PDB file of all heavy atoms in Angstrom:
ATOM      1  N   THR A   1       3.724 -67.787 -82.264  1.00  0.00           N
ATOM      2  CA  THR A   1       3.336 -66.563 -81.575  1.00  0.00           C
ATOM      3  C   THR A   1       3.870 -66.649 -80.114  1.00  0.00           C
ATOM      4  O   THR A   1       3.741 -67.676 -79.440  1.00  0.00           O
ATOM      5  CB  THR A   1       1.800 -66.423 -81.537  1.00  0.00           C
ATOM      6  OG1 THR A   1       1.310 -66.300 -82.871  1.00  0.00           O
ATOM      7  CG2 THR A   1       1.437 -65.133 -80.765  1.00  0.00           C
ATOM      8  N   ARG A   2       4.460 -65.539 -79.637  1.00  0.00           N
ATOM      9  CA  ARG A   2       4.858 -65.364 -78.242  1.00  0.00           C
ATOM     10  C   ARG A   2       3.737 -64.556 -77.562  1.00  0.00           C
ATOM     11  O   ARG A   2       3.267 -63.541 -78.118  1.00  0.00           O
ATOM     12  CB  ARG A   2       6.162 -64.591 -78.181  1.00  0.00           C
ATOM     13  CG  ARG A   2       7.323 -65.311 -78.910  1.00  0.00           C
ATOM     14  CD  ARG A   2       8.456 -64.323 -79.237  1.00  0.00           C
ATOM     15  NE  ARG A   2       7.997 -63.353 -80.234  1.00  0.00           N
ATOM     16  CZ  ARG A   2       8.777 -62.357 -80.668  1.00  0.00           C
ATOM     17  NH1 ARG A   2      10.015 -62.214 -80.205  1.00  0.00           N
ATOM     18  NH2 ARG A   2       8.324 -61.504 -81.579  1.00  0.00           N
ATOM     19  N   TYR A   3       3.322 -65.034 -76.433  1.00  0.00           N
ATOM     20  CA  TYR A   3       2.191 -64.426 -75.704  1.00  0.00           C
ATOM     21  C   TYR A   3       2.668 -63.910 -74.339  1.00  0.00           C
ATOM     22  O   TYR A   3       3.528 -64.552 -73.702  1.00  0.00           O
ATOM     23  CB  TYR A   3       1.067 -65.408 -75.474  1.00  0.00           C
ATOM     24  CG  TYR A   3       0.559 -66.090 -76.705  1.00  0.00           C
ATOM     25  CD1 TYR A   3       1.157 -67.289 -77.128  1.00  0.00           C
ATOM     26  CD2 TYR A   3      -0.501 -65.555 -77.416  1.00  0.00           C
ATOM     27  CE1 TYR A   3       0.696 -67.935 -78.259  1.00  0.00           C
ATOM     28  CE2 TYR A   3      -0.980 -66.213 -78.570  1.00  0.00           C
ATOM     29  CZ  TYR A   3      -0.382 -67.380 -78.985  1.00  0.00           C
ATOM     30  OH  TYR A   3      -0.848 -67.993 -80.116  1.00  0.00           O
ATOM     31  N   ALA A   4       2.051 -62.798 -73.901  1.00  0.00           N
ATOM     32  CA  ALA A   4       2.332 -62.316 -72.534  1.00  0.00           C
ATOM     33  C   ALA A   4       0.984 -61.918 -71.909  1.00  0.00           C
ATOM     34  O   ALA A   4       0.120 -61.295 -72.591  1.00  0.00           O
ATOM     35  CB  ALA A   4       3.277 -61.092 -72.581  1.00  0.00           C
ATOM     36  N   ALA A   5       0.803 -62.315 -70.692  1.00  0.00           N
ATOM     37  CA  ALA A   5      -0.395 -61.931 -69.933  1.00  0.00           C
ATOM     38  C   ALA A   5       0.020 -61.635 -68.484  1.00  0.00           C
ATOM     39  O   ALA A   5       0.852 -62.334 -67.913  1.00  0.00           O
ATOM     40  CB  ALA A   5      -1.428 -63.040 -69.956  1.00  0.00           C
ATOM     41  N   SER A   6      -0.544 -60.576 -67.903  1.00  0.00           N
ATOM     42  CA  SER A   6      -0.201 -60.217 -66.538  1.00  0.00           C
ATOM     43  C   SER A   6      -0.518 -61.371 -65.559  1.00  0.00           C
ATOM     44  O   SER A   6      -1.368 -62.211 -65.845  1.00  0.00           O
ATOM     45  CB  SER A   6      -0.967 -58.965 -66.115  1.00  0.00           C
ATOM     46  OG  SER A   6      -2.373 -59.259 -66.050  1.00  0.00           O
ATOM     47  N   GLN A   7       0.179 -61.340 -64.418  1.00  0.00           N
ATOM     48  CA  GLN A   7      -0.091 -62.418 -63.441  1.00  0.00           C
ATOM     49  C   GLN A   7      -1.526 -62.369 -62.941  1.00  0.00           C
ATOM     50  O   GLN A   7      -2.080 -63.437 -62.650  1.00  0.00           O
ATOM     51  CB  GLN A   7       0.880 -62.258 -62.269  1.00  0.00           C
ATOM     52  CG  GLN A   7       2.295 -62.684 -62.658  1.00  0.00           C
ATOM     53  CD  GLN A   7       3.307 -62.643 -61.510  1.00  0.00           C
ATOM     54  OE1 GLN A   7       4.428 -63.065 -61.693  1.00  0.00           O
ATOM     55  NE2 GLN A   7       2.880 -62.204 -60.359  1.00  0.00           N
ATOM     56  N   LYS A   8      -2.157 -61.227 -62.898  1.00  0.00           N
ATOM     57  CA  LYS A   8      -3.562 -61.127 -62.483  1.00  0.00           C
ATOM     58  C   LYS A   8      -4.428 -61.892 -63.502  1.00  0.00           C
ATOM     59  O   LYS A   8      -5.298 -62.707 -63.130  1.00  0.00           O
ATOM     60  CB  LYS A   8      -3.991 -59.663 -62.396  1.00  0.00           C
ATOM     61  CG  LYS A   8      -5.486 -59.519 -62.032  1.00  0.00           C
ATOM     62  CD  LYS A   8      -5.888 -58.045 -61.976  1.00  0.00           C
ATOM     63  CE  LYS A   8      -7.365 -57.935 -61.612  1.00  0.00           C
ATOM     64  NZ  LYS A   8      -7.764 -56.501 -61.593  1.00  0.00           N
ATOM     65  N   LYS A   9      -4.129 -61.654 -64.813  1.00  0.00           N
ATOM     66  CA  LYS A   9      -4.951 -62.341 -65.834  1.00  0.00           C
ATOM     67  C   LYS A   9      -4.591 -63.820 -65.861  1.00  0.00           C
ATOM     68  O   LYS A   9      -5.440 -64.676 -66.090  1.00  0.00           O
ATOM     69  CB  LYS A   9      -4.730 -61.683 -67.173  1.00  0.00           C
ATOM     70  CG  LYS A   9      -5.574 -62.271 -68.299  1.00  0.00           C
ATOM     71  CD  LYS A   9      -5.669 -61.409 -69.507  1.00  0.00           C
ATOM     72  CE  LYS A   9      -6.671 -60.270 -69.249  1.00  0.00           C
ATOM     73  NZ  LYS A   9      -7.005 -59.544 -70.486  1.00  0.00           N
ATOM     74  N   MET A  10      -3.347 -64.186 -65.639  1.00  0.00           N
ATOM     75  CA  MET A  10      -2.926 -65.594 -65.624  1.00  0.00           C
ATOM     76  C   MET A  10      -3.676 -66.337 -64.521  1.00  0.00           C
ATOM     77  O   MET A  10      -4.185 -67.421 -64.754  1.00  0.00           O
ATOM     78  CB  MET A  10      -1.437 -65.709 -65.460  1.00  0.00           C
ATOM     79  CG  MET A  10      -0.603 -65.197 -66.632  1.00  0.00           C
ATOM     80  SD  MET A  10      -0.794 -66.233 -68.073  1.00  0.00           S
ATOM     81  CE  MET A  10       0.037 -67.725 -67.534  1.00  0.00           C
ATOM     82  N   ARG A  11      -3.703 -65.744 -63.344  1.00  0.00           N
ATOM     83  CA  ARG A  11      -4.364 -66.429 -62.224  1.00  0.00           C
ATOM     84  C   ARG A  11      -5.853 -66.638 -62.456  1.00  0.00           C
ATOM     85  O   ARG A  11      -6.447 -67.640 -61.992  1.00  0.00           O
ATOM     86  CB  ARG A  11      -4.142 -65.656 -60.950  1.00  0.00           C
ATOM     87  CG  ARG A  11      -2.661 -65.745 -60.483  1.00  0.00           C
ATOM     88  CD  ARG A  11      -2.403 -64.922 -59.232  1.00  0.00           C
ATOM     89  NE  ARG A  11      -1.014 -65.131 -58.818  1.00  0.00           N
ATOM     90  CZ  ARG A  11      -0.202 -64.110 -58.589  1.00  0.00           C
ATOM     91  NH1 ARG A  11      -0.594 -62.889 -58.629  1.00  0.00           N
ATOM     92  NH2 ARG A  11       1.083 -64.377 -58.227  1.00  0.00           N
ATOM     93  N   ALA A  12      -6.467 -65.763 -63.205  1.00  0.00           N
ATOM     94  CA  ALA A  12      -7.886 -65.912 -63.562  1.00  0.00           C
ATOM     95  C   ALA A  12      -8.101 -66.899 -64.692  1.00  0.00           C
ATOM     96  O   ALA A  12      -9.233 -67.223 -65.026  1.00  0.00           O
ATOM     97  CB  ALA A  12      -8.456 -64.557 -63.960  1.00  0.00           C
ATOM     98  N   SER A  13      -6.979 -67.402 -65.290  1.00  0.00           N
ATOM     99  CA  SER A  13      -7.074 -68.262 -66.476  1.00  0.00           C
ATOM    100  C   SER A  13      -6.706 -69.730 -66.220  1.00  0.00           C
ATOM    101  O   SER A  13      -6.421 -70.463 -67.145  1.00  0.00           O
ATOM    102  CB  SER A  13      -6.149 -67.687 -67.583  1.00  0.00           C
ATOM    103  OG  SER A  13      -6.460 -66.353 -67.876  1.00  0.00           O
ATOM    104  N   ALA A  14      -6.715 -70.099 -64.926  1.00  0.00           N
ATOM    105  CA  ALA A  14      -6.335 -71.453 -64.569  1.00  0.00           C
ATOM    106  C   ALA A  14      -7.161 -72.495 -65.263  1.00  0.00           C
ATOM    107  O   ALA A  14      -6.680 -73.614 -65.559  1.00  0.00           O
ATOM    108  CB  ALA A  14      -6.351 -71.628 -63.085  1.00  0.00           C
ATOM    109  N   ASN A  15      -8.471 -72.211 -65.508  1.00  0.00           N
ATOM    110  CA  ASN A  15      -9.347 -73.192 -66.120  1.00  0.00           C
ATOM    111  C   ASN A  15      -9.422 -73.071 -67.650  1.00  0.00           C
ATOM    112  O   ASN A  15     -10.201 -73.792 -68.253  1.00  0.00           O
ATOM    113  CB  ASN A  15     -10.767 -73.036 -65.492  1.00  0.00           C
ATOM    114  CG  ASN A  15     -10.795 -73.359 -64.032  1.00  0.00           C
ATOM    115  OD1 ASN A  15     -10.128 -74.273 -63.570  1.00  0.00           O
ATOM    116  ND2 ASN A  15     -11.630 -72.623 -63.296  1.00  0.00           N
ATOM    117  N   THR A  16      -8.639 -72.191 -68.218  1.00  0.00           N
ATOM    118  CA  THR A  16      -8.595 -72.113 -69.685  1.00  0.00           C
ATOM    119  C   THR A  16      -8.010 -73.388 -70.281  1.00  0.00           C
ATOM    120  O   THR A  16      -7.036 -73.939 -69.768  1.00  0.00           O
ATOM    121  CB  THR A  16      -7.708 -70.928 -70.111  1.00  0.00           C
ATOM    122  OG1 THR A  16      -8.292 -69.720 -69.676  1.00  0.00           O
ATOM    123  CG2 THR A  16      -7.498 -70.929 -71.636  1.00  0.00           C
ATOM    124  N   ASN A  17      -8.640 -73.900 -71.288  1.00  0.00           N
ATOM    125  CA  ASN A  17      -8.042 -75.050 -72.055  1.00  0.00           C
ATOM    126  C   ASN A  17      -6.998 -74.486 -73.007  1.00  0.00           C
ATOM    127  O   ASN A  17      -7.255 -74.178 -74.160  1.00  0.00           O
ATOM    128  CB  ASN A  17      -9.139 -75.781 -72.786  1.00  0.00           C
ATOM    129  CG  ASN A  17      -8.609 -77.042 -73.494  1.00  0.00           C
ATOM    130  OD1 ASN A  17      -7.428 -77.176 -73.693  1.00  0.00           O
ATOM    131  ND2 ASN A  17      -9.513 -77.900 -73.901  1.00  0.00           N
ATOM    132  N   ILE A  18      -5.791 -74.331 -72.429  1.00  0.00           N
ATOM    133  CA  ILE A  18      -4.749 -73.615 -73.195  1.00  0.00           C
ATOM    134  C   ILE A  18      -4.287 -74.428 -74.405  1.00  0.00           C
ATOM    135  O   ILE A  18      -3.855 -73.836 -75.403  1.00  0.00           O
ATOM    136  CB  ILE A  18      -3.537 -73.303 -72.261  1.00  0.00           C
ATOM    137  CG1 ILE A  18      -2.627 -72.258 -72.906  1.00  0.00           C
ATOM    138  CG2 ILE A  18      -2.768 -74.578 -71.870  1.00  0.00           C
ATOM    139  CD1 ILE A  18      -3.284 -70.904 -73.146  1.00  0.00           C
ATOM    140  N   GLN A  19      -4.435 -75.738 -74.358  1.00  0.00           N
ATOM    141  CA  GLN A  19      -4.099 -76.533 -75.545  1.00  0.00           C
ATOM    142  C   GLN A  19      -4.977 -76.162 -76.735  1.00  0.00           C
ATOM    143  O   GLN A  19      -4.503 -76.039 -77.876  1.00  0.00           O
ATOM    144  CB  GLN A  19      -4.227 -78.032 -75.218  1.00  0.00           C
ATOM    145  CG  GLN A  19      -3.352 -78.491 -74.034  1.00  0.00           C
ATOM    146  CD  GLN A  19      -1.856 -78.466 -74.374  1.00  0.00           C
ATOM    147  OE1 GLN A  19      -1.444 -78.327 -75.483  1.00  0.00           O
ATOM    148  NE2 GLN A  19      -1.030 -78.617 -73.312  1.00  0.00           N
ATOM    149  N   GLN A  20      -6.279 -75.978 -76.425  1.00  0.00           N
ATOM    150  CA  GLN A  20      -7.187 -75.542 -77.499  1.00  0.00           C
ATOM    151  C   GLN A  20      -6.891 -74.115 -77.971  1.00  0.00           C
ATOM    152  O   GLN A  20      -6.907 -73.845 -79.175  1.00  0.00           O
ATOM    153  CB  GLN A  20      -8.655 -75.641 -76.997  1.00  0.00           C
ATOM    154  CG  GLN A  20      -9.654 -75.230 -78.073  1.00  0.00           C
ATOM    155  CD  GLN A  20     -11.073 -75.568 -77.673  1.00  0.00           C
ATOM    156  OE1 GLN A  20     -11.314 -76.447 -76.870  1.00  0.00           O
ATOM    157  NE2 GLN A  20     -12.018 -74.857 -78.273  1.00  0.00           N
ATOM    158  N   THR A  21      -6.621 -73.235 -76.991  1.00  0.00           N
ATOM    159  CA  THR A  21      -6.314 -71.864 -77.338  1.00  0.00           C
ATOM    160  C   THR A  21      -5.121 -71.776 -78.331  1.00  0.00           C
ATOM    161  O   THR A  21      -5.204 -71.138 -79.384  1.00  0.00           O
ATOM    162  CB  THR A  21      -5.951 -71.066 -76.065  1.00  0.00           C
ATOM    163  OG1 THR A  21      -7.018 -71.107 -75.142  1.00  0.00           O
ATOM    164  CG2 THR A  21      -5.643 -69.591 -76.395  1.00  0.00           C
ATOM    165  N   LEU A  22      -4.074 -72.413 -77.990  1.00  0.00           N
ATOM    166  CA  LEU A  22      -2.840 -72.291 -78.765  1.00  0.00           C
ATOM    167  C   LEU A  22      -2.955 -73.080 -80.104  1.00  0.00           C
ATOM    168  O   LEU A  22      -2.427 -72.643 -81.128  1.00  0.00           O
ATOM    169  CB  LEU A  22      -1.639 -72.794 -77.971  1.00  0.00           C
ATOM    170  CG  LEU A  22      -1.330 -72.036 -76.698  1.00  0.00           C
ATOM    171  CD1 LEU A  22      -0.105 -72.590 -75.974  1.00  0.00           C
ATOM    172  CD2 LEU A  22      -1.183 -70.549 -76.969  1.00  0.00           C
ATOM    173  N   ARG A  23      -3.682 -74.182 -80.077  1.00  0.00           N
ATOM    174  CA  ARG A  23      -3.897 -74.908 -81.323  1.00  0.00           C
ATOM    175  C   ARG A  23      -4.699 -74.072 -82.326  1.00  0.00           C
ATOM    176  O   ARG A  23      -4.357 -73.967 -83.489  1.00  0.00           O
ATOM    177  CB  ARG A  23      -4.659 -76.234 -81.090  1.00  0.00           C
ATOM    178  CG  ARG A  23      -5.106 -76.942 -82.343  1.00  0.00           C
ATOM    179  CD  ARG A  23      -5.838 -78.243 -82.036  1.00  0.00           C
ATOM    180  NE  ARG A  23      -6.930 -78.055 -81.074  1.00  0.00           N
ATOM    181  CZ  ARG A  23      -8.110 -77.505 -81.388  1.00  0.00           C
ATOM    182  NH1 ARG A  23      -8.354 -77.005 -82.573  1.00  0.00           N
ATOM    183  NH2 ARG A  23      -9.048 -77.410 -80.467  1.00  0.00           N
ATOM    184  N   GLU A  24      -5.770 -73.443 -81.820  1.00  0.00           N
ATOM    185  CA  GLU A  24      -6.608 -72.617 -82.679  1.00  0.00           C
ATOM    186  C   GLU A  24      -5.801 -71.419 -83.222  1.00  0.00           C
ATOM    187  O   GLU A  24      -5.890 -71.059 -84.411  1.00  0.00           O
ATOM    188  CB  GLU A  24      -7.833 -72.106 -81.950  1.00  0.00           C
ATOM    189  CG  GLU A  24      -8.861 -73.166 -81.696  1.00  0.00           C
ATOM    190  CD  GLU A  24     -10.105 -72.657 -81.043  1.00  0.00           C
ATOM    191  OE1 GLU A  24     -10.225 -71.433 -80.883  1.00  0.00           O
ATOM    192  OE2 GLU A  24     -10.984 -73.413 -80.683  1.00  0.00           O
ATOM    193  N   ASN A  25      -4.981 -70.777 -82.374  1.00  0.00           N
ATOM    194  CA  ASN A  25      -4.193 -69.638 -82.820  1.00  0.00           C
ATOM    195  C   ASN A  25      -3.169 -70.059 -83.887  1.00  0.00           C
ATOM    196  O   ASN A  25      -2.958 -69.354 -84.873  1.00  0.00           O
ATOM    197  CB  ASN A  25      -3.473 -69.001 -81.610  1.00  0.00           C
ATOM    198  CG  ASN A  25      -4.420 -68.201 -80.726  1.00  0.00           C
ATOM    199  OD1 ASN A  25      -5.616 -68.129 -80.990  1.00  0.00           O
ATOM    200  ND2 ASN A  25      -3.879 -67.626 -79.658  1.00  0.00           N
ATOM    201  N   LEU A  26      -2.481 -71.180 -83.653  1.00  0.00           N
ATOM    202  CA  LEU A  26      -1.462 -71.606 -84.603  1.00  0.00           C
ATOM    203  C   LEU A  26      -2.102 -72.007 -85.894  1.00  0.00           C
ATOM    204  O   LEU A  26      -1.637 -71.658 -86.998  1.00  0.00           O
ATOM    205  CB  LEU A  26      -0.697 -72.798 -83.984  1.00  0.00           C
ATOM    206  CG  LEU A  26       0.372 -73.412 -84.908  1.00  0.00           C
ATOM    207  CD1 LEU A  26       1.415 -72.369 -85.285  1.00  0.00           C
ATOM    208  CD2 LEU A  26       1.046 -74.566 -84.131  1.00  0.00           C
ATOM    209  N   LEU A  27      -3.222 -72.731 -85.800  1.00  0.00           N
ATOM    210  CA  LEU A  27      -3.895 -73.170 -87.062  1.00  0.00           C
ATOM    211  C   LEU A  27      -4.434 -71.960 -87.823  1.00  0.00           C
ATOM    212  O   LEU A  27      -4.391 -71.957 -89.074  1.00  0.00           O
ATOM    213  CB  LEU A  27      -5.079 -74.081 -86.682  1.00  0.00           C
ATOM    214  CG  LEU A  27      -5.882 -74.657 -87.867  1.00  0.00           C
ATOM    215  CD1 LEU A  27      -4.966 -75.514 -88.761  1.00  0.00           C
ATOM    216  CD2 LEU A  27      -7.056 -75.541 -87.346  1.00  0.00           C
ATOM    217  N   ARG A  28      -4.842 -70.909 -87.103  1.00  0.00           N
ATOM    218  CA  ARG A  28      -5.339 -69.709 -87.797  1.00  0.00           C
ATOM    219  C   ARG A  28      -4.244 -69.069 -88.657  1.00  0.00           C
ATOM    220  O   ARG A  28      -4.486 -68.641 -89.751  1.00  0.00           O
ATOM    221  CB  ARG A  28      -5.860 -68.679 -86.742  1.00  0.00           C
ATOM    222  CG  ARG A  28      -6.487 -67.448 -87.342  1.00  0.00           C
ATOM    223  CD  ARG A  28      -6.875 -66.429 -86.275  1.00  0.00           C
ATOM    224  NE  ARG A  28      -7.516 -67.129 -85.151  1.00  0.00           N
ATOM    225  CZ  ARG A  28      -7.090 -67.100 -83.921  1.00  0.00           C
ATOM    226  NH1 ARG A  28      -5.982 -66.394 -83.615  1.00  0.00           N
ATOM    227  NH2 ARG A  28      -7.726 -67.727 -82.971  1.00  0.00           N
ATOM    228  N   THR A  29      -3.036 -69.024 -88.121  1.00  0.00           N
ATOM    229  CA  THR A  29      -1.952 -68.415 -88.898  1.00  0.00           C
ATOM    230  C   THR A  29      -1.681 -69.237 -90.172  1.00  0.00           C
ATOM    231  O   THR A  29      -1.374 -68.684 -91.212  1.00  0.00           O
ATOM    232  CB  THR A  29      -0.663 -68.278 -88.102  1.00  0.00           C
ATOM    233  OG1 THR A  29      -0.155 -69.543 -87.723  1.00  0.00           O
ATOM    234  CG2 THR A  29      -0.940 -67.432 -86.800  1.00  0.00           C
ATOM    235  N   ILE A  30      -1.759 -70.524 -90.049  1.00  0.00           N
ATOM    236  CA  ILE A  30      -1.569 -71.378 -91.239  1.00  0.00           C
ATOM    237  C   ILE A  30      -2.694 -71.176 -92.261  1.00  0.00           C
ATOM    238  O   ILE A  30      -2.439 -71.113 -93.474  1.00  0.00           O
ATOM    239  CB  ILE A  30      -1.495 -72.881 -90.803  1.00  0.00           C
ATOM    240  CG1 ILE A  30      -0.275 -73.069 -89.900  1.00  0.00           C
ATOM    241  CG2 ILE A  30      -1.415 -73.775 -92.013  1.00  0.00           C
ATOM    242  CD1 ILE A  30      -0.258 -74.461 -89.198  1.00  0.00           C
ATOM    243  N   SER A  31      -3.902 -71.067 -91.747  1.00  0.00           N
ATOM    244  CA  SER A  31      -5.081 -70.796 -92.664  1.00  0.00           C
ATOM    245  C   SER A  31      -4.880 -69.480 -93.372  1.00  0.00           C
ATOM    246  O   SER A  31      -5.186 -69.341 -94.573  1.00  0.00           O
ATOM    247  CB  SER A  31      -6.352 -70.756 -91.860  1.00  0.00           C
ATOM    248  OG  SER A  31      -6.594 -71.991 -91.188  1.00  0.00           O
ATOM    249  N   TYR A  32      -4.377 -68.448 -92.710  1.00  0.00           N
ATOM    250  CA  TYR A  32      -4.177 -67.128 -93.315  1.00  0.00           C
ATOM    251  C   TYR A  32      -3.089 -67.224 -94.367  1.00  0.00           C
ATOM    252  O   TYR A  32      -3.147 -66.549 -95.425  1.00  0.00           O
ATOM    253  CB  TYR A  32      -3.843 -66.113 -92.261  1.00  0.00           C
ATOM    254  CG  TYR A  32      -5.011 -65.716 -91.353  1.00  0.00           C
ATOM    255  CD1 TYR A  32      -6.259 -66.352 -91.444  1.00  0.00           C
ATOM    256  CD2 TYR A  32      -4.862 -64.722 -90.425  1.00  0.00           C
ATOM    257  CE1 TYR A  32      -7.282 -65.982 -90.626  1.00  0.00           C
ATOM    258  CE2 TYR A  32      -5.912 -64.310 -89.560  1.00  0.00           C
ATOM    259  CZ  TYR A  32      -7.123 -64.942 -89.680  1.00  0.00           C
ATOM    260  OH  TYR A  32      -8.166 -64.582 -88.851  1.00  0.00           O
ATOM    261  N   ASP A  33      -2.029 -67.998 -94.070  1.00  0.00           N
ATOM    262  CA  ASP A  33      -1.015 -68.226 -95.101  1.00  0.00           C
ATOM    263  C   ASP A  33      -1.613 -68.780 -96.382  1.00  0.00           C
ATOM    264  O   ASP A  33      -1.271 -68.350 -97.535  1.00  0.00           O
ATOM    265  CB  ASP A  33       0.067 -69.148 -94.590  1.00  0.00           C
ATOM    266  CG  ASP A  33       1.064 -68.487 -93.607  1.00  0.00           C
ATOM    267  OD1 ASP A  33       1.182 -67.298 -93.661  1.00  0.00           O
ATOM    268  OD2 ASP A  33       1.662 -69.241 -92.843  1.00  0.00           O
ATOM    269  N   LYS A  34      -2.442 -69.747 -96.191  1.00  0.00           N
ATOM    270  CA  LYS A  34      -3.074 -70.440 -97.365  1.00  0.00           C
ATOM    271  C   LYS A  34      -3.940 -69.499 -98.140  1.00  0.00           C
ATOM    272  O   LYS A  34      -3.970 -69.510 -99.340  1.00  0.00           O
ATOM    273  CB  LYS A  34      -3.839 -71.652 -96.908  1.00  0.00           C
ATOM    274  CG  LYS A  34      -2.981 -72.825 -96.394  1.00  0.00           C
ATOM    275  CD  LYS A  34      -3.787 -73.984 -95.971  1.00  0.00           C
ATOM    276  CE  LYS A  34      -2.941 -75.198 -95.540  1.00  0.00           C
ATOM    277  NZ  LYS A  34      -3.779 -76.361 -95.141  1.00  0.00           N
ATOM    278  N   LEU A  35      -4.679 -68.652 -97.375  1.00  0.00           N
ATOM    279  CA  LEU A  35      -5.577 -67.678 -98.079  1.00  0.00           C
ATOM    280  C   LEU A  35      -4.794 -66.759 -98.951  1.00  0.00           C
ATOM    281  O   LEU A  35      -5.219 -66.273 -99.984  1.00  0.00           O
ATOM    282  CB  LEU A  35      -6.386 -66.914 -97.017  1.00  0.00           C
ATOM    283  CG  LEU A  35      -7.458 -65.962 -97.586  1.00  0.00           C
ATOM    284  CD1 LEU A  35      -8.509 -66.700 -98.316  1.00  0.00           C
ATOM    285  CD2 LEU A  35      -8.106 -65.160 -96.465  1.00  0.00           C
ATOM    286  N   ASN A  36      -3.539 -66.425 -98.553  1.00  0.00           N
ATOM    287  CA  ASN A  36      -2.692 -65.555 -99.335  1.00  0.00           C
ATOM    288  C   ASN A  36      -1.867 -66.275-100.402  1.00  0.00           C
ATOM    289  O   ASN A  36      -1.053 -65.665-101.086  1.00  0.00           O
ATOM    290  CB  ASN A  36      -1.753 -64.758 -98.434  1.00  0.00           C
ATOM    291  CG  ASN A  36      -2.411 -63.615 -97.722  1.00  0.00           C
ATOM    292  OD1 ASN A  36      -3.528 -63.194 -98.115  1.00  0.00           O
ATOM    293  ND2 ASN A  36      -1.762 -63.017 -96.745  1.00  0.00           N
ATOM    294  N   GLY A  37      -2.058 -67.584-100.514  1.00  0.00           N
ATOM    295  CA  GLY A  37      -1.331 -68.308-101.537  1.00  0.00           C
ATOM    296  C   GLY A  37       0.118 -68.515-101.200  1.00  0.00           C
ATOM    297  O   GLY A  37       0.959 -68.741-102.075  1.00  0.00           O
ATOM    298  N   LEU A  38       0.490 -68.447 -99.906  1.00  0.00           N
ATOM    299  CA  LEU A  38       1.859 -68.665 -99.475  1.00  0.00           C
ATOM    300  C   LEU A  38       2.156 -70.110 -99.376  1.00  0.00           C
ATOM    301  O   LEU A  38       2.138 -70.717 -98.292  1.00  0.00           O
ATOM    302  CB  LEU A  38       2.086 -67.943 -98.141  1.00  0.00           C
ATOM    303  CG  LEU A  38       1.998 -66.396 -98.211  1.00  0.00           C
ATOM    304  CD1 LEU A  38       1.931 -65.794 -96.851  1.00  0.00           C
ATOM    305  CD2 LEU A  38       3.156 -65.828 -99.027  1.00  0.00           C
TER     306      LEU A  38
END
């Protein structure tokens, strides 16, 4: 997934655990593939 967020939102997100965010998002797409039998 490619993500875009405005600089205003980015500056408010300095404390986000982005490693967790992206891991969960990537894992979700894999889970959905499996649910569809892909």
